[in-house]
Amino acid sequence: MGRIWLAITSFFSILFRGNLPDDALARLGLARRPAAKSTQAAAPAARPSDGALQILAILQRDSRLVDFIMEDIAAYSDEQVGAAVRGLHDQARDSLARYVKLEPVIDGVEGTFTKPAVSDPAAVKFIGNVPAGKPSGGLLRHKGWRAGKIDLPALHAKQDATIIAPAEIEIE
């Protein structure tokens, strides 16, 4: 009868608590193993810079933007640079539009008098002969850009965000 009771209590203990009770371990001559240390490293915490590095990696992947910027173009003619930029421009614009919805800060006509409707001082920069105090308006020279929506793909837990583009090694 003792073995049946041991079996029943062990069964329900394993079912509901996930382990054997101490008295069952003692009766069976068993000992608990120390808790195994996790061999998996904890996933690194996301940093604010990860999104910026991710969009840079996307622009590199889709248009080779970083390669172009890092290249010394002084030896190339204006025509050669212009031809390279045309393809890069289209690819980078499409890639950026896929992940970031850009909107103008001021949706007005450049070159016309504009009164800024936004109160955020970071949203409007006054240039030229700026008087003391806050000016009421001026000629709109650049509409500015704001990110209306950002939809970047999730980073993988083991992905190193600082790798903008992996090195490529061709096997022959």
Protein backbone atom coordinates (compact mmCIF):
# COMPACT_ATOMS: atom_id res chain seq x y z
CA MET A 1 0.00 0.00 0.00
CA GLY A 2 2.91 2.35 0.71
CA ARG A 3 4.20 2.04 -2.84
CA ILE A 4 0.77 2.88 -4.31
CA TRP A 5 0.49 5.96 -2.09
CA LEU A 6 4.04 6.99 -3.09
CA ALA A 7 3.15 6.57 -6.77
CA ILE A 8 -0.07 8.60 -6.46
CA THR A 9 1.51 11.48 -4.52
CA SER A 10 4.51 11.51 -6.87
CA PHE A 11 2.25 11.55 -9.93
CA PHE A 12 0.15 14.51 -8.75
CA SER A 13 3.18 16.39 -7.45
CA ILE A 14 4.89 16.09 -10.82
CA LEU A 15 1.65 16.94 -12.64
CA PHE A 16 0.85 20.09 -10.67
CA ARG A 17 4.21 21.28 -9.26
CA GLY A 18 6.66 19.87 -11.77
CA ASN A 19 8.80 17.97 -9.24
CA LEU A 20 8.79 15.15 -6.71
CA PRO A 21 8.05 15.91 -3.06
CA ASP A 22 11.02 15.76 -0.66
CA ASP A 23 9.66 12.72 1.22
CA ALA A 24 9.32 10.78 -2.05
CA LEU A 25 12.93 11.63 -2.96
CA ALA A 26 14.09 10.37 0.43
CA ARG A 27 12.11 7.10 0.19
CA LEU A 28 13.47 6.45 -3.29
CA GLY A 29 17.06 7.30 -2.25
CA LEU A 30 17.29 10.21 -4.68
CA ALA A 31 18.69 13.73 -4.30
CA ARG A 32 17.80 16.93 -6.13
CA ARG A 33 20.27 18.14 -8.68
CA PRO A 34 21.44 21.71 -8.33
CA ALA A 35 19.69 24.06 -10.74
CA ALA A 36 21.50 24.10 -14.04
CA LYS A 37 22.88 27.47 -15.06
CA SER A 38 21.50 28.77 -18.32
CA THR A 39 23.96 28.34 -21.17
CA GLN A 40 22.11 30.87 -23.27
CA ALA A 41 23.26 34.45 -22.94
CA ALA A 42 20.55 36.93 -22.10
CA ALA A 43 19.31 38.88 -25.09
CA PRO A 44 20.92 42.31 -25.21
CA ALA A 45 18.60 45.14 -24.27
CA ALA A 46 17.48 47.35 -27.13
CA ARG A 47 19.31 50.66 -27.28
CA PRO A 48 17.94 53.93 -28.69
CA SER A 49 20.60 53.83 -31.41
CA ASP A 50 19.44 50.44 -32.71
CA GLY A 51 16.69 51.98 -34.88
CA ALA A 52 19.11 54.45 -36.46
CA LEU A 53 21.63 51.70 -37.16
CA GLN A 54 18.87 49.50 -38.54
CA ILE A 55 17.67 52.14 -41.03
CA LEU A 56 21.30 52.74 -42.06
CA ALA A 57 21.71 48.98 -42.61
CA ILE A 58 18.50 48.93 -44.69
CA LEU A 59 19.75 51.81 -46.85
CA GLN A 60 23.06 49.98 -47.29
CA ARG A 61 21.34 46.70 -48.15
CA ASP A 62 18.90 48.23 -50.65
CA SER A 63 20.96 50.99 -52.26
CA ARG A 64 24.59 50.61 -51.07
CA LEU A 65 24.35 54.12 -49.60
CA VAL A 66 27.15 53.61 -47.06
CA ASP A 67 29.45 52.23 -49.77
CA PHE A 68 28.79 55.33 -51.88
CA ILE A 69 29.34 57.77 -49.00
CA MET A 70 32.55 56.04 -47.87
CA GLU A 71 33.98 55.95 -51.41
CA ASP A 72 36.47 58.66 -52.40
CA ILE A 73 34.75 60.11 -55.48
CA ALA A 74 37.32 62.85 -56.22
CA ALA A 75 38.81 60.86 -59.12
CA TYR A 76 35.45 60.41 -60.88
CA SER A 77 33.91 62.90 -63.31
CA ASP A 78 30.67 64.68 -62.52
CA GLU A 79 28.95 62.56 -65.16
CA GLN A 80 30.11 59.33 -63.52
CA VAL A 81 29.00 60.51 -60.07
CA GLY A 82 25.66 61.68 -61.46
CA ALA A 83 25.04 58.32 -63.14
CA ALA A 84 25.82 56.48 -59.89
CA VAL A 85 23.64 58.79 -57.82
CA ARG A 86 20.58 58.39 -60.07
CA GLY A 87 20.16 54.68 -59.27
CA LEU A 88 21.15 55.12 -55.64
CA HIS A 89 18.61 57.91 -55.22
CA ASP A 90 15.67 55.84 -56.48
CA GLN A 91 16.62 52.78 -54.42
CA ALA A 92 17.24 54.76 -51.22
CA ARG A 93 13.99 56.74 -51.59
CA ASP A 94 11.94 53.55 -52.13
CA SER A 95 13.63 51.84 -49.18
CA LEU A 96 13.09 54.79 -46.86
CA ALA A 97 9.44 55.12 -47.91
CA ARG A 98 8.89 51.42 -47.14
CA TYR A 99 9.84 51.85 -43.45
CA VAL A 100 9.32 55.55 -42.62
CA LYS A 101 6.37 57.75 -43.57
CA LEU A 102 7.81 61.24 -43.96
CA GLU A 103 5.62 64.34 -43.69
CA PRO A 104 6.51 68.03 -44.08
CA VAL A 105 6.80 70.03 -40.86
CA ILE A 106 5.14 72.98 -42.61
CA ASP A 107 2.98 72.05 -45.59
CA GLY A 108 3.36 75.31 -47.47
CA VAL A 109 4.80 76.63 -50.70
CA GLU A 110 8.52 77.26 -50.51
CA GLY A 111 9.43 80.87 -51.27
CA THR A 112 6.19 82.32 -49.84
CA PHE A 113 5.63 84.16 -46.55
CA THR A 114 4.72 81.71 -43.81
CA LYS A 115 3.78 81.99 -40.16
CA PRO A 116 4.84 78.87 -38.28
CA ALA A 117 1.81 77.12 -36.77
CA VAL A 118 3.92 74.76 -34.67
CA SER A 119 5.05 75.83 -31.21
CA ASP A 120 7.91 73.31 -30.89
CA PRO A 121 11.18 75.29 -31.19
CA ALA A 122 12.91 72.20 -32.62
CA ALA A 123 10.41 72.07 -35.51
CA VAL A 124 11.25 75.48 -37.03
CA LYS A 125 14.66 77.08 -37.46
CA PHE A 126 14.76 80.76 -38.35
CA ILE A 127 17.65 81.67 -40.66
CA GLY A 128 19.01 84.88 -42.11
CA ASN A 129 18.73 88.26 -40.34
CA VAL A 130 16.83 86.98 -37.29
CA PRO A 131 15.72 89.68 -34.83
CA ALA A 132 15.86 89.29 -31.06
CA GLY A 133 12.84 87.38 -29.76
CA LYS A 134 10.63 85.08 -31.76
CA PRO A 135 9.81 86.32 -35.28
CA SER A 136 6.20 86.09 -36.45
CA GLY A 137 7.11 84.55 -39.78
CA GLY A 138 9.27 84.74 -42.88
CA LEU A 139 9.92 83.19 -46.29
CA LEU A 140 9.63 79.41 -46.21
CA ARG A 141 12.93 78.09 -47.55
CA HIS A 142 12.51 74.42 -46.58
CA LYS A 143 9.37 72.60 -45.45
CA GLY A 144 11.31 70.36 -43.08
CA TRP A 145 10.60 66.68 -42.48
CA ARG A 146 9.06 64.76 -39.62
CA ALA A 147 8.56 61.02 -39.28
CA GLY A 148 4.81 60.46 -39.26
CA LYS A 149 5.13 56.71 -38.85
CA ILE A 150 8.08 54.38 -38.40
CA ASP A 151 7.59 50.69 -39.16
CA LEU A 152 10.97 48.96 -38.90
CA PRO A 153 11.13 45.17 -38.81
CA ALA A 154 11.88 43.64 -35.41
CA LEU A 155 15.53 42.98 -34.65
CA HIS A 156 16.41 39.37 -33.94
CA ALA A 157 17.58 38.66 -30.39
CA LYS A 158 21.04 37.58 -31.55
CA GLN A 159 21.38 40.28 -34.22
CA ASP A 160 24.18 42.79 -33.62
CA ALA A 161 22.68 46.16 -34.62
CA THR A 162 26.16 47.68 -35.03
CA ILE A 163 26.80 45.52 -38.11
CA ILE A 164 25.57 47.79 -40.91
CA ALA A 165 26.61 45.35 -43.64
CA PRO A 166 28.38 42.03 -43.18
CA ALA A 167 31.67 41.44 -44.92
CA GLU A 168 31.23 39.38 -48.08
CA ILE A 169 33.61 36.56 -48.94
CA GLU A 170 33.19 34.81 -52.27
CA ILE A 171 33.95 31.11 -52.44
CA GLU A 172 35.33 30.02 -55.80
